[in-house]
Amino acid sequence: ACSKEGMKVCAGKTEDTCKWSEKSDFVWLPTPCTVEIQIDADGKVRSQQSDKSKNNPVIVQWQDDNFPVAGECPTEKGCREVDDVDACICEPAFKTEAVFQEIPTSEKL
C-alpha cells in the first residue's frame, strides 16, 4: 500500500509512518532517501548510516575497476573529499531495470 502512494523505505521516522513497527529501523517515507557511502582507496564501500556500518567495509564490483578516488572525487556527481582518510563520500545512484524479459529455463541459467 505504501509503495502505491509513492513512498520509499528509509531509515527514519515521520508522522506518516504507514504502519511503522518499533522493531524496525526502516519506515515508509513520502520522499526518496539516500545514505551516503564512503569509497576507500581500494574500492571498498562503507555505508555512512551508523557507526557500525562505517566500520564495515564491503567489497563491490566496479565496472572496469573505475571508482572515485581521493583527489579526484567527482563533485559533479555529488561526491566530496574526506579530509582525514584517503577516500570519497558519495550519494549512490541506483537504477532498476529488468534482467529478464521472461522467466528463463534452468538450461539458460
PDB file of N, CA and C in Angstrom:
ATOM      1  N   ALA A   1       0.818  -1.191   0.000  1.00  0.00           N
ATOM      2  CA  ALA A   1       0.000   0.000   0.000  1.00  0.00           C
ATOM      3  C   ALA A   1       0.863   1.257   0.000  1.00  0.00           C
ATOM      4  N   CYS A   2       1.950   1.244   0.778  1.00  0.00           N
ATOM      5  CA  CYS A   2       2.787   2.440   0.867  1.00  0.00           C
ATOM      6  C   CYS A   2       3.457   2.754  -0.463  1.00  0.00           C
ATOM      7  N   SER A   3       3.960   1.739  -1.142  1.00  0.00           N
ATOM      8  CA  SER A   3       4.638   1.990  -2.413  1.00  0.00           C
ATOM      9  C   SER A   3       3.667   2.534  -3.448  1.00  0.00           C
ATOM     10  N   LYS A   4       2.409   2.140  -3.380  1.00  0.00           N
ATOM     11  CA  LYS A   4       1.401   2.673  -4.303  1.00  0.00           C
ATOM     12  C   LYS A   4       1.159   4.149  -4.059  1.00  0.00           C
ATOM     13  N   GLU A   5       1.476   4.616  -2.846  1.00  0.00           N
ATOM     14  CA  GLU A   5       1.345   6.034  -2.519  1.00  0.00           C
ATOM     15  C   GLU A   5       2.621   6.802  -2.848  1.00  0.00           C
ATOM     16  N   GLY A   6       3.566   6.117  -3.511  1.00  0.00           N
ATOM     17  CA  GLY A   6       4.806   6.772  -3.904  1.00  0.00           C
ATOM     18  C   GLY A   6       5.807   6.904  -2.770  1.00  0.00           C
ATOM     19  N   MET A   7       5.645   6.097  -1.725  1.00  0.00           N
ATOM     20  CA  MET A   7       6.546   6.187  -0.583  1.00  0.00           C
ATOM     21  C   MET A   7       7.723   5.236  -0.766  1.00  0.00           C
ATOM     22  N   LYS A   8       8.841   5.531  -0.101  1.00  0.00           N
ATOM     23  CA  LYS A   8      10.055   4.730  -0.175  1.00  0.00           C
ATOM     24  C   LYS A   8      10.401   4.223   1.218  1.00  0.00           C
ATOM     25  N   VAL A   9      11.106   3.074   1.300  1.00  0.00           N
ATOM     26  CA  VAL A   9      11.549   2.556   2.589  1.00  0.00           C
ATOM     27  C   VAL A   9      12.858   3.243   2.936  1.00  0.00           C
ATOM     28  N   CYS A  10      12.910   3.891   4.109  1.00  0.00           N
ATOM     29  CA  CYS A  10      14.075   4.664   4.516  1.00  0.00           C
ATOM     30  C   CYS A  10      14.343   4.467   6.003  1.00  0.00           C
ATOM     31  N   ALA A  11      15.555   4.742   6.396  1.00  0.00           N
ATOM     32  CA  ALA A  11      15.882   4.753   7.812  1.00  0.00           C
ATOM     33  C   ALA A  11      15.506   6.124   8.346  1.00  0.00           C
ATOM     34  N   GLY A  12      14.421   6.213   9.057  1.00  0.00           N
ATOM     35  CA  GLY A  12      13.972   7.493   9.575  1.00  0.00           C
ATOM     36  C   GLY A  12      12.546   7.399  10.054  1.00  0.00           C
ATOM     37  N   LYS A  13      12.047   8.480  10.612  1.00  0.00           N
ATOM     38  CA  LYS A  13      10.684   8.476  11.118  1.00  0.00           C
ATOM     39  C   LYS A  13       9.990   9.778  10.726  1.00  0.00           C
ATOM     40  N   THR A  14       8.726   9.679  10.414  1.00  0.00           N
ATOM     41  CA  THR A  14       7.894  10.857  10.170  1.00  0.00           C
ATOM     42  C   THR A  14       6.562  10.617  10.862  1.00  0.00           C
ATOM     43  N   GLU A  15       5.698  11.611  10.847  1.00  0.00           N
ATOM     44  CA  GLU A  15       4.369  11.428  11.423  1.00  0.00           C
ATOM     45  C   GLU A  15       3.579  10.396  10.626  1.00  0.00           C
ATOM     46  N   ASP A  16       3.768  10.360   9.318  1.00  0.00           N
ATOM     47  CA  ASP A  16       3.069   9.417   8.444  1.00  0.00           C
ATOM     48  C   ASP A  16       3.969   8.212   8.219  1.00  0.00           C
ATOM     49  N   THR A  17       3.968   7.278   9.169  1.00  0.00           N
ATOM     50  CA  THR A  17       4.905   6.151   9.102  1.00  0.00           C
ATOM     51  C   THR A  17       4.362   4.947   8.362  1.00  0.00           C
ATOM     52  N   CYS A  18       3.080   4.970   7.998  1.00  0.00           N
ATOM     53  CA  CYS A  18       2.492   3.888   7.192  1.00  0.00           C
ATOM     54  C   CYS A  18       2.773   2.521   7.815  1.00  0.00           C
ATOM     55  N   LYS A  19       2.219   2.292   8.980  1.00  0.00           N
ATOM     56  CA  LYS A  19       2.341   1.010   9.699  1.00  0.00           C
ATOM     57  C   LYS A  19       3.766   0.721  10.143  1.00  0.00           C
ATOM     58  N   TRP A  20       4.449   1.720  10.653  1.00  0.00           N
ATOM     59  CA  TRP A  20       5.813   1.546  11.147  1.00  0.00           C
ATOM     60  C   TRP A  20       5.816   0.667  12.370  1.00  0.00           C
ATOM     61  N   SER A  21       6.808  -0.184  12.508  1.00  0.00           N
ATOM     62  CA  SER A  21       6.943  -1.079  13.651  1.00  0.00           C
ATOM     63  C   SER A  21       8.129  -0.634  14.500  1.00  0.00           C
ATOM     64  N   GLU A  22       7.974  -0.641  15.806  1.00  0.00           N
ATOM     65  CA  GLU A  22       9.080  -0.284  16.722  1.00  0.00           C
ATOM     66  C   GLU A  22      10.246  -1.253  16.567  1.00  0.00           C
ATOM     67  N   LYS A  23      10.016  -2.432  16.000  1.00  0.00           N
ATOM     68  CA  LYS A  23      11.066  -3.439  15.843  1.00  0.00           C
ATOM     69  C   LYS A  23      11.934  -3.179  14.614  1.00  0.00           C
ATOM     70  N   SER A  24      11.558  -2.214  13.791  1.00  0.00           N
ATOM     71  CA  SER A  24      12.263  -1.958  12.540  1.00  0.00           C
ATOM     72  C   SER A  24      13.000  -0.632  12.584  1.00  0.00           C
ATOM     73  N   ASP A  25      14.157  -0.577  11.937  1.00  0.00           N
ATOM     74  CA  ASP A  25      14.901   0.673  11.791  1.00  0.00           C
ATOM     75  C   ASP A  25      14.477   1.420  10.531  1.00  0.00           C
ATOM     76  N   PHE A  26      13.610   0.816   9.729  1.00  0.00           N
ATOM     77  CA  PHE A  26      13.234   1.401   8.445  1.00  0.00           C
ATOM     78  C   PHE A  26      11.740   1.639   8.399  1.00  0.00           C
ATOM     79  N   VAL A  27      11.351   2.734   7.788  1.00  0.00           N
ATOM     80  CA  VAL A  27       9.937   3.081   7.669  1.00  0.00           C
ATOM     81  C   VAL A  27       9.648   3.575   6.265  1.00  0.00           C
ATOM     82  N   TRP A  28       8.373   3.671   5.945  1.00  0.00           N
ATOM     83  CA  TRP A  28       7.951   4.238   4.666  1.00  0.00           C
ATOM     84  C   TRP A  28       7.899   5.745   4.806  1.00  0.00           C
ATOM     85  N   LEU A  29       8.553   6.448   3.902  1.00  0.00           N
ATOM     86  CA  LEU A  29       8.547   7.907   3.907  1.00  0.00           C
ATOM     87  C   LEU A  29       8.012   8.420   2.572  1.00  0.00           C
ATOM     88  N   PRO A  30       7.394   9.598   2.570  1.00  0.00           N
ATOM     89  CA  PRO A  30       6.820  10.112   1.325  1.00  0.00           C
ATOM     90  C   PRO A  30       7.847  10.676   0.347  1.00  0.00           C
ATOM     91  N   THR A  31       9.100  10.764   0.726  1.00  0.00           N
ATOM     92  CA  THR A  31      10.134  11.282  -0.172  1.00  0.00           C
ATOM     93  C   THR A  31      11.266  10.277  -0.279  1.00  0.00           C
ATOM     94  N   PRO A  32      11.960  10.226  -1.413  1.00  0.00           N
ATOM     95  CA  PRO A  32      13.106   9.323  -1.542  1.00  0.00           C
ATOM     96  C   PRO A  32      14.192   9.687  -0.526  1.00  0.00           C
ATOM     97  N   CYS A  33      14.977   8.705  -0.160  1.00  0.00           N
ATOM     98  CA  CYS A  33      16.052   8.956   0.793  1.00  0.00           C
ATOM     99  C   CYS A  33      17.314   8.253   0.308  1.00  0.00           C
ATOM    100  N   THR A  34      18.432   8.738   0.766  1.00  0.00           N
ATOM    101  CA  THR A  34      19.697   8.103   0.417  1.00  0.00           C
ATOM    102  C   THR A  34      20.565   8.033   1.657  1.00  0.00           C
ATOM    103  N   VAL A  35      21.509   7.147   1.626  1.00  0.00           N
ATOM    104  CA  VAL A  35      22.522   7.043   2.660  1.00  0.00           C
ATOM    105  C   VAL A  35      23.858   7.197   1.958  1.00  0.00           C
ATOM    106  N   GLU A  36      24.663   8.107   2.431  1.00  0.00           N
ATOM    107  CA  GLU A  36      25.964   8.302   1.792  1.00  0.00           C
ATOM    108  C   GLU A  36      26.849   7.077   2.025  1.00  0.00           C
ATOM    109  N   ILE A  37      27.755   6.878   1.076  1.00  0.00           N
ATOM    110  CA  ILE A  37      28.743   5.811   1.214  1.00  0.00           C
ATOM    111  C   ILE A  37      30.140   6.409   1.109  1.00  0.00           C
ATOM    112  N   GLN A  38      31.068   5.786   1.794  1.00  0.00           N
ATOM    113  CA  GLN A  38      32.480   6.156   1.664  1.00  0.00           C
ATOM    114  C   GLN A  38      33.126   5.149   0.741  1.00  0.00           C
ATOM    115  N   ILE A  39      33.877   5.633  -0.214  1.00  0.00           N
ATOM    116  CA  ILE A  39      34.594   4.755  -1.139  1.00  0.00           C
ATOM    117  C   ILE A  39      36.072   4.862  -0.802  1.00  0.00           C
ATOM    118  N   ASP A  40      36.631   3.752  -0.313  1.00  0.00           N
ATOM    119  CA  ASP A  40      38.026   3.722   0.108  1.00  0.00           C
ATOM    120  C   ASP A  40      38.967   3.647  -1.098  1.00  0.00           C
ATOM    121  N   ALA A  41      40.239   3.851  -0.850  1.00  0.00           N
ATOM    122  CA  ALA A  41      41.253   3.837  -1.909  1.00  0.00           C
ATOM    123  C   ALA A  41      41.313   2.498  -2.637  1.00  0.00           C
ATOM    124  N   ASP A  42      40.909   1.411  -1.962  1.00  0.00           N
ATOM    125  CA  ASP A  42      40.931   0.085  -2.592  1.00  0.00           C
ATOM    126  C   ASP A  42      39.595  -0.272  -3.254  1.00  0.00           C
ATOM    127  N   GLY A  43      38.624   0.665  -3.264  1.00  0.00           N
ATOM    128  CA  GLY A  43      37.339   0.435  -3.913  1.00  0.00           C
ATOM    129  C   GLY A  43      36.267  -0.146  -3.010  1.00  0.00           C
ATOM    130  N   LYS A  44      36.605  -0.493  -1.766  1.00  0.00           N
ATOM    131  CA  LYS A  44      35.600  -0.991  -0.833  1.00  0.00           C
ATOM    132  C   LYS A  44      34.697   0.172  -0.433  1.00  0.00           C
ATOM    133  N   VAL A  45      33.443  -0.142  -0.119  1.00  0.00           N
ATOM    134  CA  VAL A  45      32.493   0.895   0.281  1.00  0.00           C
ATOM    135  C   VAL A  45      32.043   0.675   1.721  1.00  0.00           C
ATOM    136  N   ARG A  46      31.715   1.786   2.380  1.00  0.00           N
ATOM    137  CA  ARG A  46      31.231   1.763   3.758  1.00  0.00           C
ATOM    138  C   ARG A  46      30.009   2.663   3.842  1.00  0.00           C
ATOM    139  N   SER A  47      28.893   2.111   4.265  1.00  0.00           N
ATOM    140  CA  SER A  47      27.705   2.928   4.493  1.00  0.00           C
ATOM    141  C   SER A  47      28.013   3.916   5.609  1.00  0.00           C
ATOM    142  N   GLN A  48      27.505   5.122   5.480  1.00  0.00           N
ATOM    143  CA  GLN A  48      27.703   6.147   6.499  1.00  0.00           C
ATOM    144  C   GLN A  48      26.478   6.282   7.396  1.00  0.00           C
ATOM    145  N   GLN A  49      25.601   5.268   7.381  1.00  0.00           N
ATOM    146  CA  GLN A  49      24.357   5.332   8.129  1.00  0.00           C
ATOM    147  C   GLN A  49      24.564   5.242   9.639  1.00  0.00           C
ATOM    148  N   SER A  50      25.539   4.467  10.092  1.00  0.00           N
ATOM    149  CA  SER A  50      25.740   4.298  11.533  1.00  0.00           C
ATOM    150  C   SER A  50      27.217   4.068  11.816  1.00  0.00           C
ATOM    151  N   ASP A  51      27.607   4.180  13.074  1.00  0.00           N
ATOM    152  CA  ASP A  51      28.994   3.902  13.446  1.00  0.00           C
ATOM    153  C   ASP A  51      29.369   2.467  13.108  1.00  0.00           C
ATOM    154  N   LYS A  52      28.417   1.546  13.283  1.00  0.00           N
ATOM    155  CA  LYS A  52      28.670   0.140  12.980  1.00  0.00           C
ATOM    156  C   LYS A  52      28.936  -0.059  11.483  1.00  0.00           C
ATOM    157  N   SER A  53      28.108   0.559  10.635  1.00  0.00           N
ATOM    158  CA  SER A  53      28.276   0.378   9.187  1.00  0.00           C
ATOM    159  C   SER A  53      29.526   1.096   8.677  1.00  0.00           C
ATOM    160  N   LYS A  54      29.912   2.186   9.334  1.00  0.00           N
ATOM    161  CA  LYS A  54      31.130   2.899   8.930  1.00  0.00           C
ATOM    162  C   LYS A  54      32.371   2.039   9.131  1.00  0.00           C
ATOM    163  N   ASN A  55      32.293   1.078  10.030  1.00  0.00           N
ATOM    164  CA  ASN A  55      33.421   0.192  10.319  1.00  0.00           C
ATOM    165  C   ASN A  55      33.291  -1.161   9.638  1.00  0.00           C
ATOM    166  N   ASN A  56      32.439  -1.235   8.621  1.00  0.00           N
ATOM    167  CA  ASN A  56      32.198  -2.499   7.929  1.00  0.00           C
ATOM    168  C   ASN A  56      32.398  -2.321   6.425  1.00  0.00           C
ATOM    169  N   PRO A  57      33.661  -2.335   5.948  1.00  0.00           N
ATOM    170  CA  PRO A  57      33.891  -2.178   4.509  1.00  0.00           C
ATOM    171  C   PRO A  57      33.365  -3.384   3.731  1.00  0.00           C
ATOM    172  N   VAL A  58      32.747  -3.091   2.588  1.00  0.00           N
ATOM    173  CA  VAL A  58      32.150  -4.134   1.752  1.00  0.00           C
ATOM    174  C   VAL A  58      32.836  -4.122   0.392  1.00  0.00           C
ATOM    175  N   ILE A  59      33.210  -5.296  -0.076  1.00  0.00           N
ATOM    176  CA  ILE A  59      33.813  -5.429  -1.407  1.00  0.00           C
ATOM    177  C   ILE A  59      32.701  -5.373  -2.441  1.00  0.00           C
ATOM    178  N   VAL A  60      32.860  -4.530  -3.441  1.00  0.00           N
ATOM    179  CA  VAL A  60      31.891  -4.435  -4.536  1.00  0.00           C
ATOM    180  C   VAL A  60      32.633  -4.557  -5.861  1.00  0.00           C
ATOM    181  N   GLN A  61      31.910  -4.913  -6.904  1.00  0.00           N
ATOM    182  CA  GLN A  61      32.499  -4.968  -8.241  1.00  0.00           C
ATOM    183  C   GLN A  61      32.294  -3.622  -8.909  1.00  0.00           C
ATOM    184  N   TRP A  62      33.367  -3.047  -9.408  1.00  0.00           N
ATOM    185  CA  TRP A  62      33.313  -1.784 -10.134  1.00  0.00           C
ATOM    186  C   TRP A  62      33.540  -2.078 -11.604  1.00  0.00           C
ATOM    187  N   GLN A  63      32.715  -1.520 -12.461  1.00  0.00           N
ATOM    188  CA  GLN A  63      32.883  -1.722 -13.895  1.00  0.00           C
ATOM    189  C   GLN A  63      34.235  -1.169 -14.316  1.00  0.00           C
ATOM    190  N   ASP A  64      35.041  -2.003 -14.917  1.00  0.00           N
ATOM    191  CA  ASP A  64      36.389  -1.649 -15.372  1.00  0.00           C
ATOM    192  C   ASP A  64      37.260  -1.105 -14.227  1.00  0.00           C
ATOM    193  N   ASP A  65      36.994  -1.562 -12.980  1.00  0.00           N
ATOM    194  CA  ASP A  65      37.725  -1.073 -11.791  1.00  0.00           C
ATOM    195  C   ASP A  65      37.734   0.454 -11.727  1.00  0.00           C
ATOM    196  N   ASN A  66      36.672   1.067 -12.196  1.00  0.00           N
ATOM    197  CA  ASN A  66      36.570   2.520 -12.254  1.00  0.00           C
ATOM    198  C   ASN A  66      35.734   3.024 -11.078  1.00  0.00           C
ATOM    199  N   PHE A  67      36.403   3.494 -10.022  1.00  0.00           N
ATOM    200  CA  PHE A  67      35.689   4.034  -8.872  1.00  0.00           C
ATOM    201  C   PHE A  67      36.326   5.361  -8.463  1.00  0.00           C
ATOM    202  N   PRO A  68      35.547   6.216  -7.782  1.00  0.00           N
ATOM    203  CA  PRO A  68      36.071   7.520  -7.367  1.00  0.00           C
ATOM    204  C   PRO A  68      37.257   7.356  -6.412  1.00  0.00           C
ATOM    205  N   VAL A  69      38.277   8.156  -6.600  1.00  0.00           N
ATOM    206  CA  VAL A  69      39.452   8.113  -5.721  1.00  0.00           C
ATOM    207  C   VAL A  69      39.708   9.498  -5.147  1.00  0.00           C
ATOM    208  N   ALA A  70      40.288   9.511  -3.953  1.00  0.00           N
ATOM    209  CA  ALA A  70      40.612  10.778  -3.293  1.00  0.00           C
ATOM    210  C   ALA A  70      41.495  11.619  -4.205  1.00  0.00           C
ATOM    211  N   GLY A  71      41.255  12.902  -4.195  1.00  0.00           N
ATOM    212  CA  GLY A  71      41.977  13.816  -5.071  1.00  0.00           C
ATOM    213  C   GLY A  71      41.283  14.016  -6.399  1.00  0.00           C
ATOM    214  N   GLU A  72      40.369  13.080  -6.727  1.00  0.00           N
ATOM    215  CA  GLU A  72      39.620  13.167  -7.981  1.00  0.00           C
ATOM    216  C   GLU A  72      38.140  12.830  -7.764  1.00  0.00           C
ATOM    217  N   CYS A  73      37.633  13.085  -6.563  1.00  0.00           N
ATOM    218  CA  CYS A  73      36.224  12.781  -6.286  1.00  0.00           C
ATOM    219  C   CYS A  73      35.338  13.596  -7.218  1.00  0.00           C
ATOM    220  N   PRO A  74      34.433  12.940  -7.934  1.00  0.00           N
ATOM    221  CA  PRO A  74      33.596  13.655  -8.900  1.00  0.00           C
ATOM    222  C   PRO A  74      32.512  14.490  -8.213  1.00  0.00           C
ATOM    223  N   THR A  75      32.832  15.734  -7.921  1.00  0.00           N
ATOM    224  CA  THR A  75      31.885  16.609  -7.226  1.00  0.00           C
ATOM    225  C   THR A  75      30.625  16.843  -8.044  1.00  0.00           C
ATOM    226  N   GLU A  76      30.725  16.779  -9.367  1.00  0.00           N
ATOM    227  CA  GLU A  76      29.541  16.968 -10.211  1.00  0.00           C
ATOM    228  C   GLU A  76      28.552  15.819 -10.057  1.00  0.00           C
ATOM    229  N   LYS A  77      29.001  14.708  -9.470  1.00  0.00           N
ATOM    230  CA  LYS A  77      28.122  13.559  -9.232  1.00  0.00           C
ATOM    231  C   LYS A  77      27.764  13.437  -7.749  1.00  0.00           C
ATOM    232  N   GLY A  78      27.995  14.503  -6.989  1.00  0.00           N
ATOM    233  CA  GLY A  78      27.595  14.512  -5.582  1.00  0.00           C
ATOM    234  C   GLY A  78      28.615  13.933  -4.620  1.00  0.00           C
ATOM    235  N   CYS A  79      29.861  13.789  -5.048  1.00  0.00           N
ATOM    236  CA  CYS A  79      30.900  13.249  -4.170  1.00  0.00           C
ATOM    237  C   CYS A  79      31.727  14.387  -3.562  1.00  0.00           C
ATOM    238  N   ARG A  80      32.379  14.080  -2.453  1.00  0.00           N
ATOM    239  CA  ARG A  80      33.264  15.051  -1.822  1.00  0.00           C
ATOM    240  C   ARG A  80      34.447  14.329  -1.202  1.00  0.00           C
ATOM    241  N   GLU A  81      35.522  15.082  -1.013  1.00  0.00           N
ATOM    242  CA  GLU A  81      36.745  14.542  -0.405  1.00  0.00           C
ATOM    243  C   GLU A  81      36.540  14.318   1.094  1.00  0.00           C
ATOM    244  N   VAL A  82      37.252  13.357   1.640  1.00  0.00           N
ATOM    245  CA  VAL A  82      37.288  13.131   3.078  1.00  0.00           C
ATOM    246  C   VAL A  82      38.664  13.588   3.542  1.00  0.00           C
ATOM    247  N   ASP A  83      38.694  14.565   4.437  1.00  0.00           N
ATOM    248  CA  ASP A  83      39.960  15.175   4.838  1.00  0.00           C
ATOM    249  C   ASP A  83      40.914  14.223   5.549  1.00  0.00           C
ATOM    250  N   ASP A  84      40.402  13.413   6.465  1.00  0.00           N
ATOM    251  CA  ASP A  84      41.292  12.628   7.313  1.00  0.00           C
ATOM    252  C   ASP A  84      41.635  11.232   6.798  1.00  0.00           C
ATOM    253  N   VAL A  85      41.007  10.794   5.709  1.00  0.00           N
ATOM    254  CA  VAL A  85      41.322   9.485   5.127  1.00  0.00           C
ATOM    255  C   VAL A  85      41.398   9.606   3.603  1.00  0.00           C
ATOM    256  N   ASP A  86      41.999   8.618   2.974  1.00  0.00           N
ATOM    257  CA  ASP A  86      42.152   8.597   1.520  1.00  0.00           C
ATOM    258  C   ASP A  86      40.883   8.004   0.902  1.00  0.00           C
ATOM    259  N   ALA A  87      39.809   8.832   0.822  1.00  0.00           N
ATOM    260  CA  ALA A  87      38.519   8.311   0.368  1.00  0.00           C
ATOM    261  C   ALA A  87      37.629   9.433  -0.146  1.00  0.00           C
ATOM    262  N   CYS A  88      36.541   9.016  -0.795  1.00  0.00           N
ATOM    263  CA  CYS A  88      35.477   9.925  -1.232  1.00  0.00           C
ATOM    264  C   CYS A  88      34.189   9.523  -0.524  1.00  0.00           C
ATOM    265  N   ILE A  89      33.353  10.503  -0.253  1.00  0.00           N
ATOM    266  CA  ILE A  89      31.999  10.243   0.262  1.00  0.00           C
ATOM    267  C   ILE A  89      31.043  10.629  -0.862  1.00  0.00           C
ATOM    268  N   CYS A  90      30.132   9.709  -1.204  1.00  0.00           N
ATOM    269  CA  CYS A  90      29.215   9.939  -2.320  1.00  0.00           C
ATOM    270  C   CYS A  90      27.802   9.492  -1.953  1.00  0.00           C
ATOM    271  N   GLU A  91      26.834  10.050  -2.663  1.00  0.00           N
ATOM    272  CA  GLU A  91      25.469   9.544  -2.599  1.00  0.00           C
ATOM    273  C   GLU A  91      25.326   8.551  -3.740  1.00  0.00           C
ATOM    274  N   PRO A  92      25.023   7.295  -3.434  1.00  0.00           N
ATOM    275  CA  PRO A  92      24.905   6.316  -4.522  1.00  0.00           C
ATOM    276  C   PRO A  92      23.685   6.584  -5.380  1.00  0.00           C
ATOM    277  N   ALA A  93      23.789   6.225  -6.645  1.00  0.00           N
ATOM    278  CA  ALA A  93      22.667   6.312  -7.579  1.00  0.00           C
ATOM    279  C   ALA A  93      22.265   4.890  -7.945  1.00  0.00           C
ATOM    280  N   PHE A  94      21.001   4.609  -7.872  1.00  0.00           N
ATOM    281  CA  PHE A  94      20.514   3.268  -8.169  1.00  0.00           C
ATOM    282  C   PHE A  94      19.604   3.310  -9.383  1.00  0.00           C
ATOM    283  N   LYS A  95      19.708   2.266 -10.171  1.00  0.00           N
ATOM    284  CA  LYS A  95      18.875   2.163 -11.362  1.00  0.00           C
ATOM    285  C   LYS A  95      18.234   0.784 -11.352  1.00  0.00           C
ATOM    286  N   THR A  96      16.944   0.744 -11.487  1.00  0.00           N
ATOM    287  CA  THR A  96      16.220  -0.521 -11.523  1.00  0.00           C
ATOM    288  C   THR A  96      15.865  -0.837 -12.960  1.00  0.00           C
ATOM    289  N   GLU A  97      16.259  -2.020 -13.398  1.00  0.00           N
ATOM    290  CA  GLU A  97      15.906  -2.440 -14.748  1.00  0.00           C
ATOM    291  C   GLU A  97      15.740  -3.947 -14.783  1.00  0.00           C
ATOM    292  N   ALA A  98      14.938  -4.411 -15.698  1.00  0.00           N
ATOM    293  CA  ALA A  98      14.676  -5.842 -15.825  1.00  0.00           C
ATOM    294  C   ALA A  98      15.915  -6.568 -16.324  1.00  0.00           C
ATOM    295  N   VAL A  99      16.181  -7.704 -15.718  1.00  0.00           N
ATOM    296  CA  VAL A  99      17.293  -8.534 -16.168  1.00  0.00           C
ATOM    297  C   VAL A  99      16.802  -9.511 -17.228  1.00  0.00           C
ATOM    298  N   PHE A 100      15.584  -9.981 -17.055  1.00  0.00           N
ATOM    299  CA  PHE A 100      14.999 -10.941 -17.987  1.00  0.00           C
ATOM    300  C   PHE A 100      13.684 -10.397 -18.519  1.00  0.00           C
ATOM    301  N   GLN A 101      13.361 -10.733 -19.754  1.00  0.00           N
ATOM    302  CA  GLN A 101      12.060 -10.400 -20.337  1.00  0.00           C
ATOM    303  C   GLN A 101      11.030 -11.475 -20.006  1.00  0.00           C
ATOM    304  N   GLU A 102      11.535 -12.658 -19.692  1.00  0.00           N
ATOM    305  CA  GLU A 102      10.678 -13.788 -19.307  1.00  0.00           C
ATOM    306  C   GLU A 102      11.473 -14.660 -18.340  1.00  0.00           C
ATOM    307  N   ILE A 103      10.792 -15.517 -17.627  1.00  0.00           N
ATOM    308  CA  ILE A 103      11.470 -16.398 -16.678  1.00  0.00           C
ATOM    309  C   ILE A 103      12.298 -17.400 -17.470  1.00  0.00           C
ATOM    310  N   PRO A 104      13.640 -17.410 -17.266  1.00  0.00           N
ATOM    311  CA  PRO A 104      14.482 -18.328 -18.041  1.00  0.00           C
ATOM    312  C   PRO A 104      14.352 -19.768 -17.555  1.00  0.00           C
ATOM    313  N   THR A 105      14.617 -20.673 -18.460  1.00  0.00           N
ATOM    314  CA  THR A 105      14.645 -22.088 -18.095  1.00  0.00           C
ATOM    315  C   THR A 105      15.935 -22.362 -17.335  1.00  0.00           C
ATOM    316  N   SER A 106      15.994 -23.472 -16.637  1.00  0.00           N
ATOM    317  CA  SER A 106      17.207 -23.820 -15.880  1.00  0.00           C
ATOM    318  C   SER A 106      18.400 -23.985 -16.818  1.00  0.00           C
ATOM    319  N   GLU A 107      18.180 -24.410 -18.052  1.00  0.00           N
ATOM    320  CA  GLU A 107      19.273 -24.548 -19.021  1.00  0.00           C
ATOM    321  C   GLU A 107      19.889 -23.206 -19.372  1.00  0.00           C
ATOM    322  N   LYS A 108      19.056 -22.160 -19.452  1.00  0.00           N
ATOM    323  CA  LYS A 108      19.551 -20.843 -19.804  1.00  0.00           C
ATOM    324  C   LYS A 108      20.306 -20.182 -18.654  1.00  0.00           C
ATOM    325  N   LEU A 109      20.010 -20.600 -17.417  1.00  0.00           N
ATOM    326  CA  LEU A 109      20.698 -20.030 -16.272  1.00  0.00           C
ATOM    327  C   LEU A 109      22.067 -20.658 -16.146  1.00  0.00           C
TER     328      LEU A 109
END
